[in-house]
């Protein structure tokens, strides 16, 4: 199966899952156009960066092995033609190694691959936790209209991950920070408190004056 086929099947499967959620159609559309689109984009970028990083790394490793062998061959050869050919080949291969290492270092393909893969997996994890009612959502997934009620919180977490990705990408710093479970619960509770306050204000404003 090709990469495109695999990406297509993944997208189709996730779209079918989104269609089954107990949410308004507008929110489902947001999940397709924002969350799913970003997941697929980061997956694609990670695959591209990994392919380039791996290719340049193979060139550097192979060349690093060939150059000493060619130099040894040149030093032991008594024929001028063989000596010249081995020397020229060693020079060309050493240039290719330097170019490969330089390109990989300049464009940070290795860092890009790890960075894009990390963001893609974080977005996938957040999406599946929301869909299945796990992790930070676990204690609330039994509530009626769970997905509809907690969609704003999920959307804010997705936007936070995307914003953080931009910041890390621009500063070229990739840091793995474990999630603070207590902080996650505080965020959920803060979200619920805000909803309750808004609901109370709405009830007060809708009460007719005596």
N, C-alpha and C. Protein backbone atom coordinates (compact mmCIF):
# COMPACT_ATOMS: atom_id res chain seq x y z
N UNK A 1 0.86 -1.20 0.00
CA UNK A 1 0.00 0.00 0.00
C UNK A 1 0.88 1.24 0.00
N UNK A 2 0.60 2.20 -0.83
CA UNK A 2 1.39 3.41 -0.91
C UNK A 2 1.08 4.33 0.24
N UNK A 3 1.96 5.37 0.41
CA UNK A 3 1.74 6.33 1.48
C UNK A 3 0.45 7.09 1.27
N UNK A 4 0.13 7.40 0.01
CA UNK A 4 -1.09 8.13 -0.26
C UNK A 4 -2.31 7.29 0.07
N UNK A 5 -2.23 5.98 -0.28
CA UNK A 5 -3.35 5.10 0.04
C UNK A 5 -3.55 4.99 1.52
N UNK A 6 -2.42 4.87 2.25
CA UNK A 6 -2.50 4.75 3.69
C UNK A 6 -3.10 6.01 4.31
N UNK A 7 -2.64 7.19 3.84
CA UNK A 7 -3.17 8.45 4.36
C UNK A 7 -4.64 8.59 4.05
N UNK A 8 -5.03 8.15 2.82
CA UNK A 8 -6.43 8.24 2.45
C UNK A 8 -7.31 7.37 3.31
N UNK A 9 -6.85 6.12 3.57
CA UNK A 9 -7.65 5.22 4.39
C UNK A 9 -7.76 5.74 5.81
N UNK A 10 -6.67 6.34 6.34
CA UNK A 10 -6.70 6.91 7.68
C UNK A 10 -7.70 8.05 7.75
N UNK A 11 -7.67 8.93 6.76
CA UNK A 11 -8.58 10.07 6.73
C UNK A 11 -10.03 9.60 6.65
N UNK A 12 -10.29 8.61 5.79
CA UNK A 12 -11.66 8.10 5.65
C UNK A 12 -12.15 7.48 6.96
N UNK A 13 -11.28 6.73 7.61
CA UNK A 13 -11.66 6.11 8.88
C UNK A 13 -11.97 7.13 9.95
N UNK A 14 -11.14 8.15 10.06
CA UNK A 14 -11.37 9.19 11.06
C UNK A 14 -12.62 10.00 10.75
N UNK A 15 -12.88 10.24 9.49
CA UNK A 15 -14.10 10.97 9.12
C UNK A 15 -15.34 10.18 9.51
N UNK A 16 -15.29 8.87 9.32
CA UNK A 16 -16.44 8.04 9.72
C UNK A 16 -16.64 8.09 11.24
N UNK A 17 -15.54 8.09 11.98
CA UNK A 17 -15.65 8.18 13.44
C UNK A 17 -16.26 9.52 13.85
N UNK A 18 -15.80 10.60 13.21
CA UNK A 18 -16.33 11.93 13.52
C UNK A 18 -17.82 12.00 13.24
N UNK A 19 -18.26 11.36 12.18
CA UNK A 19 -19.68 11.38 11.82
C UNK A 19 -20.56 10.74 12.89
N UNK A 20 -19.99 9.84 13.68
CA UNK A 20 -20.80 9.13 14.69
C UNK A 20 -20.92 9.89 16.00
N UNK A 21 -20.19 10.99 16.17
CA UNK A 21 -20.18 11.71 17.45
C UNK A 21 -21.50 12.46 17.66
N UNK A 22 -21.90 12.56 18.94
CA UNK A 22 -23.15 13.24 19.28
C UNK A 22 -22.89 14.75 19.40
N UNK A 23 -22.67 15.38 18.24
CA UNK A 23 -22.38 16.81 18.19
C UNK A 23 -23.15 17.45 17.06
N UNK A 24 -23.22 18.78 17.13
CA UNK A 24 -23.82 19.53 16.03
C UNK A 24 -22.94 19.38 14.79
N UNK A 25 -23.55 19.50 13.63
CA UNK A 25 -22.83 19.32 12.38
C UNK A 25 -21.71 20.34 12.21
N UNK A 26 -21.91 21.56 12.72
CA UNK A 26 -20.87 22.58 12.61
C UNK A 26 -19.60 22.16 13.34
N UNK A 27 -19.77 21.52 14.49
CA UNK A 27 -18.62 21.08 15.26
C UNK A 27 -17.93 19.90 14.59
N UNK A 28 -18.71 19.02 13.99
CA UNK A 28 -18.12 17.91 13.24
C UNK A 28 -17.31 18.45 12.06
N UNK A 29 -17.85 19.48 11.41
CA UNK A 29 -17.15 20.08 10.27
C UNK A 29 -15.83 20.69 10.72
N UNK A 30 -15.83 21.31 11.92
CA UNK A 30 -14.59 21.88 12.45
C UNK A 30 -13.57 20.78 12.69
N UNK A 31 -14.00 19.64 13.23
CA UNK A 31 -13.07 18.54 13.47
C UNK A 31 -12.46 18.04 12.17
N UNK A 32 -13.26 18.02 11.10
CA UNK A 32 -12.72 17.58 9.81
C UNK A 32 -11.75 18.61 9.23
N UNK A 33 -12.18 19.88 9.24
CA UNK A 33 -11.42 20.92 8.57
C UNK A 33 -10.22 21.41 9.37
N UNK A 34 -10.27 21.28 10.69
CA UNK A 34 -9.18 21.78 11.52
C UNK A 34 -8.35 20.66 12.12
N UNK A 35 -8.99 19.84 12.99
CA UNK A 35 -8.22 18.79 13.68
C UNK A 35 -7.69 17.75 12.70
N UNK A 36 -8.58 17.13 11.90
CA UNK A 36 -8.16 16.08 10.99
C UNK A 36 -7.20 16.61 9.93
N UNK A 37 -7.48 17.80 9.41
CA UNK A 37 -6.60 18.39 8.40
C UNK A 37 -5.20 18.60 8.95
N UNK A 38 -5.08 19.06 10.19
CA UNK A 38 -3.78 19.28 10.79
C UNK A 38 -3.06 17.96 11.07
N UNK A 39 -3.80 16.96 11.51
CA UNK A 39 -3.20 15.64 11.76
C UNK A 39 -2.58 15.10 10.47
N UNK A 40 -3.33 15.15 9.37
CA UNK A 40 -2.84 14.65 8.09
C UNK A 40 -1.67 15.48 7.58
N UNK A 41 -1.71 16.80 7.79
CA UNK A 41 -0.63 17.68 7.34
C UNK A 41 0.66 17.37 8.07
N UNK A 42 0.58 17.24 9.39
CA UNK A 42 1.78 16.94 10.17
C UNK A 42 2.31 15.55 9.86
N UNK A 43 1.42 14.60 9.61
CA UNK A 43 1.85 13.26 9.21
C UNK A 43 2.65 13.32 7.91
N UNK A 44 2.13 14.08 6.94
CA UNK A 44 2.78 14.21 5.65
C UNK A 44 4.15 14.88 5.78
N UNK A 45 4.21 15.97 6.56
CA UNK A 45 5.47 16.69 6.74
C UNK A 45 6.50 15.82 7.48
N UNK A 46 6.04 15.05 8.45
CA UNK A 46 6.95 14.16 9.18
C UNK A 46 7.54 13.11 8.24
N UNK A 47 6.69 12.54 7.38
CA UNK A 47 7.16 11.52 6.43
C UNK A 47 8.17 12.11 5.45
N UNK A 48 7.91 13.33 4.97
CA UNK A 48 8.83 13.98 4.03
C UNK A 48 10.17 14.26 4.68
N UNK A 49 10.14 14.81 5.90
CA UNK A 49 11.39 15.14 6.60
C UNK A 49 12.17 13.88 6.93
N UNK A 50 11.47 12.80 7.30
CA UNK A 50 12.15 11.54 7.63
C UNK A 50 12.82 10.95 6.39
N UNK A 51 12.13 11.02 5.25
CA UNK A 51 12.70 10.48 4.01
C UNK A 51 13.97 11.24 3.63
N UNK A 52 13.95 12.56 3.74
CA UNK A 52 15.13 13.36 3.39
C UNK A 52 16.27 13.14 4.38
N UNK A 53 15.92 13.10 5.67
CA UNK A 53 16.93 12.88 6.70
C UNK A 53 17.59 11.51 6.52
N UNK A 54 16.78 10.49 6.27
CA UNK A 54 17.31 9.13 6.11
C UNK A 54 18.17 9.01 4.87
N UNK A 55 17.73 9.63 3.76
CA UNK A 55 18.50 9.56 2.52
C UNK A 55 19.87 10.21 2.67
N UNK A 56 19.90 11.40 3.25
CA UNK A 56 21.17 12.09 3.45
C UNK A 56 22.06 11.34 4.44
N UNK A 57 21.43 10.72 5.43
CA UNK A 57 22.19 9.97 6.43
C UNK A 57 22.82 8.73 5.79
N UNK A 58 22.10 8.07 4.90
CA UNK A 58 22.64 6.90 4.20
C UNK A 58 23.83 7.31 3.34
N UNK A 59 23.71 8.44 2.65
CA UNK A 59 24.82 8.93 1.81
C UNK A 59 26.05 9.21 2.66
N UNK A 60 25.83 9.86 3.82
CA UNK A 60 26.95 10.21 4.70
C UNK A 60 27.63 8.95 5.25
N UNK A 61 26.84 7.97 5.69
CA UNK A 61 27.40 6.74 6.25
C UNK A 61 28.14 5.94 5.18
N UNK A 62 27.49 5.78 4.03
CA UNK A 62 28.11 5.01 2.95
C UNK A 62 29.40 5.67 2.47
N UNK A 63 29.35 6.98 2.31
CA UNK A 63 30.55 7.69 1.88
C UNK A 63 31.65 7.63 2.91
N UNK A 64 31.26 7.70 4.19
CA UNK A 64 32.26 7.61 5.25
C UNK A 64 32.99 6.28 5.26
N UNK A 65 32.31 5.23 4.81
CA UNK A 65 32.94 3.90 4.72
C UNK A 65 33.79 3.79 3.46
N UNK A 66 33.32 4.38 2.36
CA UNK A 66 34.02 4.25 1.07
C UNK A 66 35.32 5.04 1.02
N UNK A 67 35.33 6.24 1.59
CA UNK A 67 36.50 7.10 1.46
C UNK A 67 37.77 6.44 2.01
N UNK A 68 37.76 5.91 3.25
CA UNK A 68 38.99 5.25 3.73
C UNK A 68 39.42 4.07 2.85
N UNK A 69 38.41 3.34 2.33
CA UNK A 69 38.74 2.20 1.46
C UNK A 69 39.41 2.67 0.18
N UNK A 70 38.90 3.75 -0.40
CA UNK A 70 39.50 4.29 -1.63
C UNK A 70 40.89 4.85 -1.37
N UNK A 71 41.06 5.50 -0.24
CA UNK A 71 42.39 6.04 0.09
C UNK A 71 43.39 4.91 0.29
N UNK A 72 42.94 3.86 0.96
CA UNK A 72 43.82 2.70 1.16
C UNK A 72 44.19 2.06 -0.17
N UNK A 73 43.20 1.93 -1.06
CA UNK A 73 43.46 1.36 -2.38
C UNK A 73 44.46 2.19 -3.15
N UNK A 74 44.31 3.51 -3.07
CA UNK A 74 45.22 4.41 -3.79
C UNK A 74 46.64 4.31 -3.25
N UNK A 75 46.75 4.18 -1.93
CA UNK A 75 48.09 4.14 -1.33
C UNK A 75 48.82 2.84 -1.61
N UNK A 76 48.07 1.76 -1.86
CA UNK A 76 48.69 0.46 -2.07
C UNK A 76 48.87 0.13 -3.55
N UNK A 77 48.26 0.93 -4.41
CA UNK A 77 48.34 0.63 -5.84
C UNK A 77 49.65 1.14 -6.43
N UNK A 78 50.22 0.34 -7.30
CA UNK A 78 51.47 0.72 -7.97
C UNK A 78 51.22 1.27 -9.37
N UNK A 79 49.99 1.12 -9.84
CA UNK A 79 49.65 1.62 -11.16
C UNK A 79 49.12 3.05 -11.05
N UNK A 80 49.61 3.90 -11.92
CA UNK A 80 49.24 5.32 -11.87
C UNK A 80 47.76 5.54 -12.18
N UNK A 81 47.23 4.75 -13.13
CA UNK A 81 45.82 4.91 -13.49
C UNK A 81 44.91 4.58 -12.31
N UNK A 82 45.20 3.46 -11.66
CA UNK A 82 44.40 3.07 -10.49
C UNK A 82 44.55 4.08 -9.38
N UNK A 83 45.77 4.57 -9.19
CA UNK A 83 46.04 5.56 -8.15
C UNK A 83 45.23 6.84 -8.39
N UNK A 84 45.25 7.31 -9.63
CA UNK A 84 44.53 8.54 -9.97
C UNK A 84 43.01 8.36 -9.85
N UNK A 85 42.52 7.21 -10.35
CA UNK A 85 41.09 6.95 -10.29
C UNK A 85 40.59 6.84 -8.85
N UNK A 86 41.33 6.11 -8.02
CA UNK A 86 40.94 5.95 -6.62
C UNK A 86 40.98 7.29 -5.89
N UNK A 87 42.00 8.09 -6.20
CA UNK A 87 42.11 9.40 -5.57
C UNK A 87 40.96 10.32 -5.97
N UNK A 88 40.62 10.30 -7.26
CA UNK A 88 39.52 11.15 -7.73
C UNK A 88 38.18 10.69 -7.13
N UNK A 89 37.98 9.38 -7.06
CA UNK A 89 36.75 8.85 -6.48
C UNK A 89 36.64 9.21 -5.00
N UNK A 90 37.75 9.10 -4.29
CA UNK A 90 37.76 9.46 -2.87
C UNK A 90 37.41 10.93 -2.68
N UNK A 91 37.91 11.78 -3.56
CA UNK A 91 37.64 13.21 -3.49
C UNK A 91 36.15 13.49 -3.73
N UNK A 92 35.58 12.83 -4.78
CA UNK A 92 34.16 13.04 -5.10
C UNK A 92 33.26 12.53 -3.98
N UNK A 93 33.57 11.34 -3.48
CA UNK A 93 32.74 10.77 -2.41
C UNK A 93 32.82 11.63 -1.15
N UNK A 94 34.02 12.13 -0.83
CA UNK A 94 34.16 12.98 0.35
C UNK A 94 33.36 14.27 0.20
N UNK A 95 33.28 14.78 -1.04
CA UNK A 95 32.45 15.97 -1.29
C UNK A 95 30.97 15.64 -1.07
N UNK A 96 30.53 14.49 -1.57
CA UNK A 96 29.14 14.09 -1.39
C UNK A 96 28.80 13.93 0.09
N UNK A 97 29.73 13.36 0.85
CA UNK A 97 29.51 13.21 2.29
C UNK A 97 29.37 14.58 2.95
N UNK A 98 30.26 15.50 2.59
CA UNK A 98 30.21 16.84 3.18
C UNK A 98 28.91 17.55 2.81
N UNK A 99 28.49 17.40 1.55
CA UNK A 99 27.24 18.03 1.11
C UNK A 99 26.04 17.45 1.84
N UNK A 100 26.01 16.11 1.97
CA UNK A 100 24.89 15.46 2.65
C UNK A 100 24.80 15.89 4.11
N UNK A 101 25.93 15.89 4.79
CA UNK A 101 25.94 16.31 6.20
C UNK A 101 25.56 17.78 6.32
N UNK A 102 26.09 18.60 5.40
CA UNK A 102 25.78 20.03 5.45
C UNK A 102 24.31 20.33 5.23
N UNK A 103 23.71 19.66 4.23
CA UNK A 103 22.29 19.87 3.94
C UNK A 103 21.41 19.43 5.11
N UNK A 104 21.72 18.27 5.67
CA UNK A 104 20.93 17.77 6.80
C UNK A 104 21.05 18.69 8.00
N UNK A 105 22.25 19.21 8.22
CA UNK A 105 22.47 20.11 9.34
C UNK A 105 21.80 21.47 9.12
N UNK A 106 21.87 21.97 7.88
CA UNK A 106 21.31 23.29 7.58
C UNK A 106 19.78 23.29 7.63
N UNK A 107 19.17 22.28 7.03
CA UNK A 107 17.71 22.23 6.97
C UNK A 107 17.08 21.53 8.17
N UNK A 108 17.90 20.94 9.04
CA UNK A 108 17.39 20.31 10.28
C UNK A 108 16.32 19.26 9.98
N UNK A 109 16.58 18.42 8.97
CA UNK A 109 15.57 17.42 8.62
C UNK A 109 15.29 16.45 9.76
N UNK A 110 16.32 16.10 10.52
CA UNK A 110 16.12 15.21 11.66
C UNK A 110 15.24 15.85 12.72
N UNK A 111 15.53 17.10 13.03
CA UNK A 111 14.72 17.84 14.01
C UNK A 111 13.29 18.02 13.51
N UNK A 112 13.17 18.36 12.23
CA UNK A 112 11.84 18.55 11.65
C UNK A 112 11.01 17.27 11.74
N UNK A 113 11.65 16.16 11.41
CA UNK A 113 10.94 14.88 11.48
C UNK A 113 10.44 14.62 12.89
N UNK A 114 11.31 14.74 13.90
CA UNK A 114 10.90 14.49 15.28
C UNK A 114 9.84 15.49 15.73
N UNK A 115 10.01 16.74 15.31
CA UNK A 115 9.07 17.79 15.71
C UNK A 115 7.69 17.56 15.11
N UNK A 116 7.63 17.33 13.79
CA UNK A 116 6.34 17.10 13.13
C UNK A 116 5.67 15.82 13.63
N UNK A 117 6.48 14.76 13.84
CA UNK A 117 5.92 13.51 14.34
C UNK A 117 5.34 13.69 15.74
N UNK A 118 6.06 14.44 16.57
CA UNK A 118 5.59 14.68 17.94
C UNK A 118 4.26 15.42 17.93
N UNK A 119 4.17 16.49 17.13
CA UNK A 119 2.94 17.27 17.07
C UNK A 119 1.79 16.45 16.50
N UNK A 120 2.06 15.65 15.47
CA UNK A 120 1.02 14.80 14.89
C UNK A 120 0.48 13.82 15.92
N UNK A 121 1.38 13.20 16.69
CA UNK A 121 0.94 12.23 17.68
C UNK A 121 0.19 12.89 18.83
N UNK A 122 0.60 14.10 19.22
CA UNK A 122 -0.11 14.82 20.28
C UNK A 122 -1.53 15.18 19.83
N UNK A 123 -1.67 15.62 18.58
CA UNK A 123 -2.99 15.94 18.05
C UNK A 123 -3.86 14.69 17.96
N UNK A 124 -3.26 13.58 17.49
CA UNK A 124 -4.01 12.32 17.42
C UNK A 124 -4.47 11.89 18.80
N UNK A 125 -3.55 11.96 19.77
CA UNK A 125 -3.88 11.54 21.13
C UNK A 125 -5.00 12.37 21.71
N UNK A 126 -4.92 13.69 21.54
CA UNK A 126 -5.97 14.57 22.06
C UNK A 126 -7.31 14.25 21.40
N UNK A 127 -7.27 14.00 20.09
CA UNK A 127 -8.50 13.67 19.38
C UNK A 127 -9.13 12.38 19.86
N UNK A 128 -8.30 11.34 20.02
CA UNK A 128 -8.84 10.05 20.45
C UNK A 128 -9.31 10.09 21.91
N UNK A 129 -8.63 10.85 22.75
CA UNK A 129 -9.10 11.00 24.13
C UNK A 129 -10.48 11.64 24.15
N UNK A 130 -10.66 12.65 23.30
CA UNK A 130 -11.97 13.32 23.23
C UNK A 130 -13.03 12.39 22.64
N UNK A 131 -12.68 11.67 21.58
CA UNK A 131 -13.64 10.78 20.93
C UNK A 131 -14.06 9.64 21.85
N UNK A 132 -13.09 9.06 22.55
CA UNK A 132 -13.37 7.88 23.38
C UNK A 132 -13.68 8.21 24.83
N UNK A 133 -13.52 9.50 25.20
CA UNK A 133 -13.79 9.88 26.58
C UNK A 133 -12.75 9.35 27.55
N UNK A 134 -11.49 9.42 27.17
CA UNK A 134 -10.41 8.93 28.03
C UNK A 134 -9.57 10.07 28.58
N UNK A 135 -8.56 9.71 29.39
CA UNK A 135 -7.65 10.72 29.91
C UNK A 135 -8.35 11.78 30.72
N UNK A 136 -8.12 13.02 30.37
CA UNK A 136 -8.69 14.16 31.09
C UNK A 136 -10.22 14.21 30.97
N UNK A 137 -10.76 13.53 29.95
CA UNK A 137 -12.21 13.54 29.74
C UNK A 137 -12.92 12.37 30.43
N UNK A 138 -12.15 11.46 31.02
CA UNK A 138 -12.72 10.19 31.48
C UNK A 138 -13.81 10.38 32.54
N UNK A 139 -13.59 11.28 33.48
CA UNK A 139 -14.56 11.45 34.57
C UNK A 139 -15.83 12.16 34.12
N UNK A 140 -15.86 12.62 32.87
CA UNK A 140 -17.03 13.37 32.40
C UNK A 140 -17.69 12.70 31.19
N UNK A 141 -17.12 11.60 30.68
CA UNK A 141 -17.63 11.02 29.45
C UNK A 141 -19.01 10.37 29.61
N UNK A 142 -19.46 10.18 30.87
CA UNK A 142 -20.78 9.59 31.08
C UNK A 142 -21.90 10.62 30.97
N UNK A 143 -21.55 11.91 30.91
CA UNK A 143 -22.55 12.96 30.87
C UNK A 143 -23.30 12.95 29.54
N UNK A 144 -24.55 13.38 29.62
CA UNK A 144 -25.36 13.47 28.39
C UNK A 144 -24.76 14.52 27.46
N UNK A 145 -24.78 14.23 26.16
CA UNK A 145 -24.22 15.13 25.15
C UNK A 145 -22.77 15.49 25.47
N UNK A 146 -22.01 14.48 25.91
CA UNK A 146 -20.63 14.72 26.34
C UNK A 146 -19.81 15.42 25.26
N UNK A 147 -19.81 14.90 24.04
CA UNK A 147 -18.99 15.48 22.97
C UNK A 147 -19.43 16.90 22.64
N UNK A 148 -20.71 17.13 22.65
CA UNK A 148 -21.22 18.45 22.33
C UNK A 148 -20.83 19.46 23.41
N UNK A 149 -20.91 19.04 24.67
CA UNK A 149 -20.63 19.93 25.78
C UNK A 149 -19.14 20.24 25.92
N UNK A 150 -18.29 19.24 25.65
CA UNK A 150 -16.86 19.43 25.85
C UNK A 150 -16.11 19.77 24.56
N UNK A 151 -16.83 19.98 23.49
CA UNK A 151 -16.17 20.34 22.24
C UNK A 151 -15.37 21.64 22.36
N UNK A 152 -15.90 22.70 23.00
CA UNK A 152 -15.10 23.94 23.11
C UNK A 152 -13.77 23.71 23.83
N UNK A 153 -13.78 22.86 24.86
CA UNK A 153 -12.55 22.58 25.59
C UNK A 153 -11.58 21.83 24.68
N UNK A 154 -12.08 20.83 23.96
CA UNK A 154 -11.25 20.07 23.02
C UNK A 154 -10.66 20.99 21.95
N UNK A 155 -11.49 21.87 21.40
CA UNK A 155 -11.02 22.79 20.36
C UNK A 155 -9.92 23.69 20.88
N UNK A 156 -10.05 24.15 22.14
CA UNK A 156 -9.03 25.02 22.72
C UNK A 156 -7.71 24.27 22.90
N UNK A 157 -7.78 22.97 23.25
CA UNK A 157 -6.57 22.18 23.40
C UNK A 157 -5.88 21.96 22.05
N UNK A 158 -6.67 21.75 21.00
CA UNK A 158 -6.11 21.59 19.65
C UNK A 158 -5.39 22.87 19.22
N UNK A 159 -6.05 24.00 19.43
CA UNK A 159 -5.43 25.28 19.05
C UNK A 159 -4.18 25.54 19.87
N UNK A 160 -4.18 25.13 21.13
CA UNK A 160 -3.00 25.30 21.96
C UNK A 160 -1.83 24.47 21.44
N UNK A 161 -2.11 23.24 21.02
CA UNK A 161 -1.06 22.39 20.45
C UNK A 161 -0.49 22.98 19.17
N UNK A 162 -1.37 23.52 18.33
CA UNK A 162 -0.91 24.13 17.07
C UNK A 162 -0.08 25.38 17.34
N UNK A 163 -0.55 26.19 18.30
CA UNK A 163 0.21 27.40 18.65
C UNK A 163 1.58 27.04 19.21
N UNK A 164 1.61 26.03 20.07
CA UNK A 164 2.88 25.60 20.65
C UNK A 164 3.81 25.06 19.57
N UNK A 165 3.23 24.38 18.59
CA UNK A 165 4.04 23.86 17.49
C UNK A 165 4.72 24.98 16.73
N UNK A 166 3.98 26.06 16.47
CA UNK A 166 4.55 27.20 15.74
C UNK A 166 5.69 27.82 16.55
N UNK A 167 5.48 27.97 17.85
CA UNK A 167 6.52 28.57 18.70
C UNK A 167 7.79 27.72 18.71
N UNK A 168 7.61 26.40 18.87
CA UNK A 168 8.77 25.51 18.92
C UNK A 168 9.48 25.48 17.56
N UNK A 169 8.69 25.46 16.49
CA UNK A 169 9.28 25.40 15.15
C UNK A 169 10.12 26.64 14.87
N UNK A 170 9.61 27.79 15.25
CA UNK A 170 10.32 29.03 14.97
C UNK A 170 11.59 29.18 15.79
N UNK A 171 11.59 28.65 16.99
CA UNK A 171 12.76 28.76 17.87
C UNK A 171 13.71 27.58 17.73
N UNK A 172 13.32 26.56 16.93
CA UNK A 172 14.15 25.38 16.69
C UNK A 172 14.43 24.61 17.98
N UNK A 173 13.50 24.67 18.92
CA UNK A 173 13.68 23.94 20.18
C UNK A 173 12.59 22.90 20.28
N UNK A 174 12.98 21.64 20.38
CA UNK A 174 12.02 20.56 20.52
C UNK A 174 12.21 19.95 21.90
N UNK A 175 11.23 20.13 22.78
CA UNK A 175 11.32 19.63 24.14
C UNK A 175 10.15 18.73 24.44
N UNK A 176 10.45 17.61 25.07
CA UNK A 176 9.41 16.68 25.49
C UNK A 176 9.07 17.00 26.94
N UNK A 177 7.85 17.44 27.18
CA UNK A 177 7.41 17.74 28.53
C UNK A 177 6.21 16.87 28.86
N UNK A 178 6.35 16.02 29.91
CA UNK A 178 5.21 15.17 30.28
C UNK A 178 4.03 15.99 30.75
N UNK A 179 2.85 15.52 30.41
CA UNK A 179 1.64 16.24 30.77
C UNK A 179 1.39 16.18 32.26
N UNK A 180 1.06 17.29 32.85
CA UNK A 180 0.73 17.36 34.27
C UNK A 180 -0.73 16.97 34.44
N UNK A 181 -0.99 15.78 35.04
CA UNK A 181 -2.36 15.30 35.16
C UNK A 181 -3.20 16.22 36.04
N UNK A 182 -2.57 16.75 37.12
CA UNK A 182 -3.30 17.66 38.00
C UNK A 182 -3.70 18.93 37.25
N UNK A 183 -2.81 19.42 36.40
CA UNK A 183 -3.12 20.61 35.61
C UNK A 183 -4.26 20.32 34.65
N UNK A 184 -4.26 19.12 34.06
CA UNK A 184 -5.33 18.75 33.14
C UNK A 184 -6.68 18.76 33.85
N UNK A 185 -6.72 18.23 35.08
CA UNK A 185 -7.96 18.23 35.84
C UNK A 185 -8.37 19.65 36.22
N UNK A 186 -7.40 20.49 36.55
CA UNK A 186 -7.71 21.88 36.88
C UNK A 186 -8.30 22.60 35.68
N UNK A 187 -7.76 22.31 34.49
CA UNK A 187 -8.28 22.93 33.27
C UNK A 187 -9.72 22.52 33.02
N UNK A 188 -10.00 21.22 33.22
CA UNK A 188 -11.37 20.72 33.05
C UNK A 188 -12.31 21.39 34.04
N UNK A 189 -11.88 21.45 35.31
CA UNK A 189 -12.73 22.05 36.34
C UNK A 189 -12.96 23.52 36.08
N UNK A 190 -11.91 24.23 35.63
CA UNK A 190 -12.06 25.64 35.30
C UNK A 190 -13.05 25.84 34.17
N UNK A 191 -12.99 24.95 33.18
CA UNK A 191 -13.92 25.01 32.06
C UNK A 191 -15.36 24.80 32.53
N UNK A 192 -15.56 23.80 33.41
CA UNK A 192 -16.91 23.53 33.93
C UNK A 192 -17.42 24.69 34.76
N UNK A 193 -16.55 25.30 35.56
CA UNK A 193 -16.95 26.45 36.39
C UNK A 193 -17.38 27.62 35.51
N UNK A 194 -16.63 27.84 34.43
CA UNK A 194 -16.98 28.94 33.52
C UNK A 194 -18.34 28.70 32.88
N UNK A 195 -18.59 27.44 32.47
CA UNK A 195 -19.88 27.11 31.87
C UNK A 195 -21.02 27.32 32.86
N UNK A 196 -20.78 26.95 34.13
CA UNK A 196 -21.81 27.10 35.15
C UNK A 196 -22.11 28.57 35.43
N UNK A 197 -21.04 29.37 35.46
CA UNK A 197 -21.24 30.80 35.69
C UNK A 197 -22.01 31.44 34.54
N UNK A 198 -21.67 31.05 33.31
CA UNK A 198 -22.38 31.59 32.15
C UNK A 198 -23.85 31.17 32.17
N UNK A 199 -24.09 29.92 32.59
CA UNK A 199 -25.46 29.42 32.67
C UNK A 199 -26.26 30.19 33.71
N UNK A 200 -25.63 30.46 34.87
CA UNK A 200 -26.31 31.20 35.93
C UNK A 200 -26.64 32.62 35.47
N UNK A 201 -25.71 33.25 34.79
CA UNK A 201 -25.95 34.61 34.29
C UNK A 201 -27.10 34.62 33.29
N UNK A 202 -27.12 33.58 32.44
CA UNK A 202 -28.18 33.49 31.43
C UNK A 202 -29.53 33.33 32.10
N UNK A 203 -29.59 32.53 33.17
CA UNK A 203 -30.85 32.31 33.88
C UNK A 203 -31.33 33.60 34.54
N UNK A 204 -30.39 34.35 35.13
CA UNK A 204 -30.75 35.60 35.79
C UNK A 204 -31.26 36.62 34.80
N UNK A 205 -30.57 36.73 33.66
CA UNK A 205 -30.97 37.72 32.66
C UNK A 205 -32.29 37.40 32.02
N UNK A 206 -32.64 36.10 31.98
CA UNK A 206 -33.89 35.71 31.33
C UNK A 206 -35.07 35.73 32.29
N UNK A 207 -34.81 35.94 33.59
CA UNK A 207 -35.91 36.00 34.56
C UNK A 207 -36.64 37.33 34.41
N UNK A 208 -37.97 37.32 34.22
CA UNK A 208 -38.73 38.58 34.03
C UNK A 208 -38.78 39.38 35.32
N UNK A 209 -38.77 40.70 35.16
CA UNK A 209 -38.89 41.59 36.32
C UNK A 209 -40.28 41.49 36.92
N UNK A 210 -40.40 41.53 38.27
CA UNK A 210 -41.75 41.47 38.89
C UNK A 210 -42.56 42.71 38.58
